[in-house]
């Protein structure tokens, strides 16, 4: 996929992130952890390579489920400490970053839009 500057933020604007890309994948997660974290039945997300996501304002708080071994609960959700918006997820080995599409400033850059 092509490289572009991908920017986004939480609902209150305290935490901002950006990535030069490329988008490594586009997907929708329906696991119980993502459903509960986002409050939606489907959680659209894009993949970016570790090291390609930069926090440019604020500092997200990492949340790890203390007991579950479900796929998404084995990693960490990164949320705004002020408004609670889920921003992105990292797997336990920090080999994958899934950025929640709802945080993006321009969702039109995604395929199919």
N, C-alpha and C. Protein backbone atom coordinates (compact mmCIF):
# COMPACT_ATOMS: atom_id res chain seq x y z
N UNK A 1 0.84 -1.18 0.00
CA UNK A 1 0.00 0.00 0.00
C UNK A 1 0.88 1.24 0.00
N UNK A 2 0.32 2.35 -0.40
CA UNK A 2 1.11 3.56 -0.54
C UNK A 2 1.38 4.22 0.80
N UNK A 3 2.46 5.01 0.82
CA UNK A 3 2.79 5.74 2.04
C UNK A 3 2.12 7.11 2.02
N UNK A 4 1.66 7.56 3.18
CA UNK A 4 1.01 8.85 3.34
C UNK A 4 1.09 9.21 4.81
N UNK A 5 0.93 10.47 5.15
CA UNK A 5 0.90 10.84 6.56
C UNK A 5 -0.51 10.58 7.08
N UNK A 6 -0.59 9.71 8.05
CA UNK A 6 -1.86 9.34 8.67
C UNK A 6 -1.90 10.02 10.03
N UNK A 7 -2.90 10.85 10.28
CA UNK A 7 -2.99 11.56 11.55
C UNK A 7 -4.32 11.25 12.23
N UNK A 8 -4.33 11.40 13.55
CA UNK A 8 -5.56 11.16 14.29
C UNK A 8 -5.45 11.69 15.70
N UNK A 9 -6.58 11.59 16.41
CA UNK A 9 -6.62 12.08 17.79
C UNK A 9 -7.76 11.42 18.55
N UNK A 10 -7.72 11.61 19.86
CA UNK A 10 -8.82 11.15 20.72
C UNK A 10 -9.97 12.14 20.60
N UNK A 11 -11.06 11.85 21.29
CA UNK A 11 -12.26 12.70 21.21
C UNK A 11 -12.03 14.10 21.76
N UNK A 12 -11.25 14.24 22.82
CA UNK A 12 -11.04 15.57 23.42
C UNK A 12 -9.84 16.30 22.81
N UNK A 13 -9.03 15.62 22.01
CA UNK A 13 -7.89 16.25 21.36
C UNK A 13 -6.61 16.27 22.17
N UNK A 14 -6.63 15.74 23.38
CA UNK A 14 -5.43 15.75 24.22
C UNK A 14 -4.31 14.88 23.64
N UNK A 15 -4.69 13.71 23.11
CA UNK A 15 -3.68 12.80 22.55
C UNK A 15 -3.82 12.79 21.03
N UNK A 16 -2.70 13.07 20.36
CA UNK A 16 -2.65 13.05 18.90
C UNK A 16 -1.58 12.07 18.46
N UNK A 17 -1.86 11.38 17.35
CA UNK A 17 -0.87 10.44 16.82
C UNK A 17 -0.72 10.65 15.32
N UNK A 18 0.42 10.19 14.80
CA UNK A 18 0.63 10.24 13.36
C UNK A 18 1.54 9.10 12.95
N UNK A 19 1.43 8.74 11.68
CA UNK A 19 2.25 7.69 11.11
C UNK A 19 2.54 8.03 9.66
N UNK A 20 3.79 7.83 9.22
CA UNK A 20 4.09 8.05 7.81
C UNK A 20 3.58 6.91 6.93
N UNK A 21 3.00 5.89 7.55
CA UNK A 21 2.54 4.72 6.81
C UNK A 21 3.73 3.80 6.56
N UNK A 22 3.57 2.86 5.71
CA UNK A 22 2.35 2.57 4.98
C UNK A 22 1.34 1.83 5.86
N UNK A 23 0.10 1.82 5.40
CA UNK A 23 -0.92 1.00 6.05
C UNK A 23 -0.62 -0.44 5.64
N UNK A 24 -0.38 -1.30 6.61
CA UNK A 24 -0.01 -2.68 6.31
C UNK A 24 -1.21 -3.59 6.12
N UNK A 25 -2.35 -3.18 6.67
CA UNK A 25 -3.58 -3.96 6.50
C UNK A 25 -4.75 -3.12 6.96
N UNK A 26 -5.93 -3.52 6.52
CA UNK A 26 -7.18 -2.95 6.99
C UNK A 26 -8.04 -4.11 7.46
N UNK A 27 -8.69 -3.94 8.60
CA UNK A 27 -9.47 -5.04 9.11
C UNK A 27 -10.57 -4.58 10.04
N UNK A 28 -11.37 -5.55 10.42
CA UNK A 28 -12.44 -5.32 11.40
C UNK A 28 -12.31 -6.41 12.45
N UNK A 29 -12.22 -6.00 13.70
CA UNK A 29 -12.14 -6.97 14.79
C UNK A 29 -13.50 -7.07 15.46
N UNK A 30 -13.90 -8.30 15.74
CA UNK A 30 -15.17 -8.54 16.42
C UNK A 30 -14.97 -9.32 17.72
N UNK A 31 -13.75 -9.34 18.23
CA UNK A 31 -13.49 -10.10 19.46
C UNK A 31 -14.16 -9.39 20.64
N UNK A 32 -14.48 -10.11 21.70
CA UNK A 32 -15.15 -9.50 22.85
C UNK A 32 -14.38 -8.32 23.46
N UNK A 33 -13.06 -8.39 23.45
CA UNK A 33 -12.27 -7.30 24.03
C UNK A 33 -12.45 -6.00 23.24
N UNK A 34 -12.37 -6.08 21.92
CA UNK A 34 -12.53 -4.87 21.10
C UNK A 34 -13.96 -4.36 21.12
N UNK A 35 -14.93 -5.28 21.14
CA UNK A 35 -16.33 -4.88 21.23
C UNK A 35 -16.57 -4.09 22.51
N UNK A 36 -16.06 -4.58 23.61
CA UNK A 36 -16.25 -3.88 24.89
C UNK A 36 -15.47 -2.57 24.94
N UNK A 37 -14.24 -2.57 24.43
CA UNK A 37 -13.41 -1.37 24.50
C UNK A 37 -13.98 -0.24 23.65
N UNK A 38 -14.50 -0.56 22.46
CA UNK A 38 -14.98 0.48 21.56
C UNK A 38 -16.47 0.76 21.72
N UNK A 39 -17.22 -0.18 22.33
CA UNK A 39 -18.65 -0.01 22.47
C UNK A 39 -19.42 -0.25 21.19
N UNK A 40 -18.78 -0.90 20.22
CA UNK A 40 -19.42 -1.19 18.94
C UNK A 40 -19.28 -2.67 18.63
N UNK A 41 -20.19 -3.19 17.80
CA UNK A 41 -20.14 -4.61 17.46
C UNK A 41 -18.98 -4.96 16.54
N UNK A 42 -18.43 -3.97 15.86
CA UNK A 42 -17.27 -4.16 15.00
C UNK A 42 -16.29 -3.03 15.25
N UNK A 43 -15.01 -3.35 15.20
CA UNK A 43 -13.98 -2.36 15.45
C UNK A 43 -13.06 -2.25 14.23
N UNK A 44 -13.35 -1.31 13.30
CA UNK A 44 -12.47 -1.15 12.15
C UNK A 44 -11.12 -0.59 12.58
N UNK A 45 -10.06 -1.15 12.00
CA UNK A 45 -8.72 -0.70 12.35
C UNK A 45 -7.79 -0.86 11.17
N UNK A 46 -6.67 -0.13 11.22
CA UNK A 46 -5.63 -0.26 10.22
C UNK A 46 -4.34 -0.66 10.91
N UNK A 47 -3.52 -1.40 10.22
CA UNK A 47 -2.23 -1.80 10.78
C UNK A 47 -1.13 -0.86 10.31
N UNK A 48 -0.24 -0.52 11.24
CA UNK A 48 0.99 0.18 10.91
C UNK A 48 2.12 -0.56 11.61
N UNK A 49 3.29 -0.49 11.03
CA UNK A 49 4.44 -1.20 11.59
C UNK A 49 4.86 -0.58 12.92
N UNK A 50 5.31 -1.42 13.88
CA UNK A 50 5.85 -0.87 15.13
C UNK A 50 6.98 0.11 14.81
N UNK A 51 7.02 1.18 15.53
CA UNK A 51 8.01 2.22 15.27
C UNK A 51 7.52 3.26 14.27
N UNK A 52 6.38 2.99 13.61
CA UNK A 52 5.83 3.94 12.64
C UNK A 52 4.64 4.71 13.19
N UNK A 53 4.36 4.58 14.46
CA UNK A 53 3.30 5.37 15.08
C UNK A 53 3.95 6.29 16.10
N UNK A 54 3.76 7.58 15.91
CA UNK A 54 4.35 8.58 16.79
C UNK A 54 3.24 9.31 17.54
N UNK A 55 3.42 9.45 18.84
CA UNK A 55 2.51 10.26 19.66
C UNK A 55 3.05 11.68 19.61
N UNK A 56 2.26 12.60 19.05
CA UNK A 56 2.74 13.98 18.86
C UNK A 56 2.17 14.95 19.88
N UNK A 57 1.18 14.52 20.66
CA UNK A 57 0.64 15.35 21.74
C UNK A 57 0.04 14.43 22.79
N UNK A 58 0.22 14.79 24.05
CA UNK A 58 -0.33 14.00 25.14
C UNK A 58 0.39 12.67 25.30
N UNK A 59 -0.16 11.84 26.17
CA UNK A 59 0.41 10.51 26.41
C UNK A 59 -0.73 9.54 26.70
N UNK A 60 -0.93 8.57 25.81
CA UNK A 60 -2.00 7.60 26.07
C UNK A 60 -1.65 6.70 27.26
N UNK A 61 -2.68 6.16 27.86
CA UNK A 61 -2.53 5.23 28.97
C UNK A 61 -2.74 3.82 28.41
N UNK A 62 -1.84 2.90 28.76
CA UNK A 62 -1.98 1.51 28.31
C UNK A 62 -2.89 0.75 29.27
N UNK A 63 -3.82 -0.01 28.71
CA UNK A 63 -4.70 -0.84 29.50
C UNK A 63 -4.54 -2.28 29.07
N UNK A 64 -4.16 -3.14 30.00
CA UNK A 64 -4.06 -4.57 29.75
C UNK A 64 -5.07 -5.28 30.62
N UNK A 65 -5.84 -6.17 30.00
CA UNK A 65 -6.80 -6.96 30.77
C UNK A 65 -6.01 -7.88 31.69
N UNK A 66 -6.31 -7.91 32.97
CA UNK A 66 -5.47 -8.64 33.93
C UNK A 66 -5.56 -10.16 33.87
N UNK A 67 -6.63 -10.72 33.31
CA UNK A 67 -6.78 -12.17 33.40
C UNK A 67 -7.02 -12.88 32.08
N UNK A 68 -7.46 -12.21 31.06
CA UNK A 68 -7.89 -12.88 29.83
C UNK A 68 -6.72 -13.20 28.91
N UNK A 69 -6.85 -14.31 28.19
CA UNK A 69 -5.86 -14.69 27.18
C UNK A 69 -6.45 -14.59 25.78
N UNK A 70 -7.62 -13.95 25.63
CA UNK A 70 -8.17 -13.74 24.29
C UNK A 70 -7.15 -12.97 23.46
N UNK A 71 -7.24 -13.12 22.16
CA UNK A 71 -6.30 -12.48 21.23
C UNK A 71 -6.01 -11.02 21.59
N UNK A 72 -7.02 -10.18 21.58
CA UNK A 72 -6.79 -8.76 21.81
C UNK A 72 -6.50 -8.43 23.27
N UNK A 73 -6.97 -9.27 24.18
CA UNK A 73 -6.66 -9.03 25.59
C UNK A 73 -5.24 -9.43 25.94
N UNK A 74 -4.55 -10.14 25.05
CA UNK A 74 -3.16 -10.50 25.35
C UNK A 74 -2.23 -9.33 25.07
N UNK A 75 -2.72 -8.29 24.43
CA UNK A 75 -1.93 -7.10 24.17
C UNK A 75 -2.38 -5.97 25.07
N UNK A 76 -2.24 -4.74 24.58
CA UNK A 76 -2.64 -3.58 25.36
C UNK A 76 -3.42 -2.60 24.50
N UNK A 77 -4.50 -2.08 25.06
CA UNK A 77 -5.24 -1.00 24.43
C UNK A 77 -4.62 0.30 24.94
N UNK A 78 -4.48 1.28 24.08
CA UNK A 78 -3.91 2.57 24.45
C UNK A 78 -5.02 3.60 24.32
N UNK A 79 -5.35 4.23 25.45
CA UNK A 79 -6.51 5.11 25.54
C UNK A 79 -6.10 6.49 26.05
N UNK A 80 -6.94 7.48 25.75
CA UNK A 80 -6.71 8.82 26.28
C UNK A 80 -7.02 8.81 27.78
N UNK A 81 -6.11 9.33 28.60
CA UNK A 81 -6.37 9.33 30.05
C UNK A 81 -7.45 10.33 30.47
N UNK A 82 -7.80 11.26 29.60
CA UNK A 82 -8.81 12.25 29.94
C UNK A 82 -10.21 11.85 29.49
N UNK A 83 -10.37 11.55 28.20
CA UNK A 83 -11.71 11.25 27.68
C UNK A 83 -11.99 9.76 27.54
N UNK A 84 -10.95 8.92 27.63
CA UNK A 84 -11.14 7.48 27.57
C UNK A 84 -11.24 6.90 26.17
N UNK A 85 -11.05 7.72 25.14
CA UNK A 85 -11.13 7.21 23.77
C UNK A 85 -10.06 6.15 23.52
N UNK A 86 -10.45 4.98 22.98
CA UNK A 86 -9.44 4.01 22.59
C UNK A 86 -8.78 4.49 21.29
N UNK A 87 -7.45 4.53 21.27
CA UNK A 87 -6.71 5.05 20.13
C UNK A 87 -6.11 3.95 19.27
N UNK A 88 -5.43 3.01 19.92
CA UNK A 88 -4.80 1.92 19.18
C UNK A 88 -4.53 0.76 20.12
N UNK A 89 -4.16 -0.36 19.52
CA UNK A 89 -3.88 -1.59 20.25
C UNK A 89 -2.52 -2.10 19.81
N UNK A 90 -1.76 -2.63 20.76
CA UNK A 90 -0.48 -3.29 20.43
C UNK A 90 -0.53 -4.72 20.95
N UNK A 91 0.05 -5.63 20.17
CA UNK A 91 0.07 -7.02 20.63
C UNK A 91 1.12 -7.20 21.71
N UNK A 92 1.09 -8.35 22.37
CA UNK A 92 1.97 -8.60 23.53
C UNK A 92 3.45 -8.51 23.15
N UNK A 93 3.81 -8.90 21.94
CA UNK A 93 5.21 -8.85 21.52
C UNK A 93 5.61 -7.56 20.85
N UNK A 94 4.69 -6.60 20.80
CA UNK A 94 4.92 -5.31 20.14
C UNK A 94 5.36 -5.49 18.69
N UNK A 95 4.73 -6.45 18.00
CA UNK A 95 5.03 -6.68 16.59
C UNK A 95 3.93 -6.14 15.69
N UNK A 96 2.82 -5.70 16.28
CA UNK A 96 1.69 -5.20 15.50
C UNK A 96 1.03 -4.03 16.22
N UNK A 97 0.66 -3.03 15.45
CA UNK A 97 -0.12 -1.90 15.97
C UNK A 97 -1.38 -1.80 15.14
N UNK A 98 -2.52 -1.79 15.81
CA UNK A 98 -3.81 -1.61 15.14
C UNK A 98 -4.38 -0.28 15.59
N UNK A 99 -4.48 0.67 14.68
CA UNK A 99 -5.01 2.00 14.98
C UNK A 99 -6.51 1.98 14.70
N UNK A 100 -7.29 2.40 15.67
CA UNK A 100 -8.74 2.42 15.50
C UNK A 100 -9.13 3.50 14.50
N UNK A 101 -9.85 3.12 13.45
CA UNK A 101 -10.21 4.02 12.36
C UNK A 101 -10.98 5.24 12.85
N UNK A 102 -11.78 5.10 13.87
CA UNK A 102 -12.55 6.23 14.40
C UNK A 102 -11.70 7.37 14.91
N UNK A 103 -10.42 7.14 15.15
CA UNK A 103 -9.53 8.20 15.63
C UNK A 103 -8.88 8.98 14.50
N UNK A 104 -8.99 8.49 13.26
CA UNK A 104 -8.29 9.12 12.14
C UNK A 104 -8.92 10.45 11.75
N UNK A 105 -8.08 11.41 11.39
CA UNK A 105 -8.57 12.71 10.93
C UNK A 105 -9.21 12.59 9.54
N UNK A 106 -8.71 11.67 8.71
CA UNK A 106 -9.21 11.52 7.35
C UNK A 106 -9.40 10.04 7.05
N UNK A 107 -10.62 9.55 7.18
CA UNK A 107 -10.88 8.16 6.88
C UNK A 107 -11.00 7.93 5.37
N UNK A 108 -11.03 8.98 4.58
CA UNK A 108 -11.13 8.88 3.14
C UNK A 108 -9.89 8.27 2.49
N UNK A 109 -8.79 8.19 3.23
CA UNK A 109 -7.58 7.61 2.67
C UNK A 109 -7.65 6.09 2.62
N UNK A 110 -8.66 5.51 3.21
CA UNK A 110 -8.79 4.05 3.24
C UNK A 110 -9.41 3.54 1.95
N UNK A 111 -9.02 2.34 1.57
CA UNK A 111 -9.56 1.71 0.37
C UNK A 111 -11.07 1.59 0.48
N UNK A 112 -11.75 1.82 -0.60
CA UNK A 112 -13.19 1.66 -0.62
C UNK A 112 -13.97 2.89 -0.22
N UNK A 113 -13.29 3.97 0.12
CA UNK A 113 -14.01 5.20 0.48
C UNK A 113 -13.74 6.28 -0.53
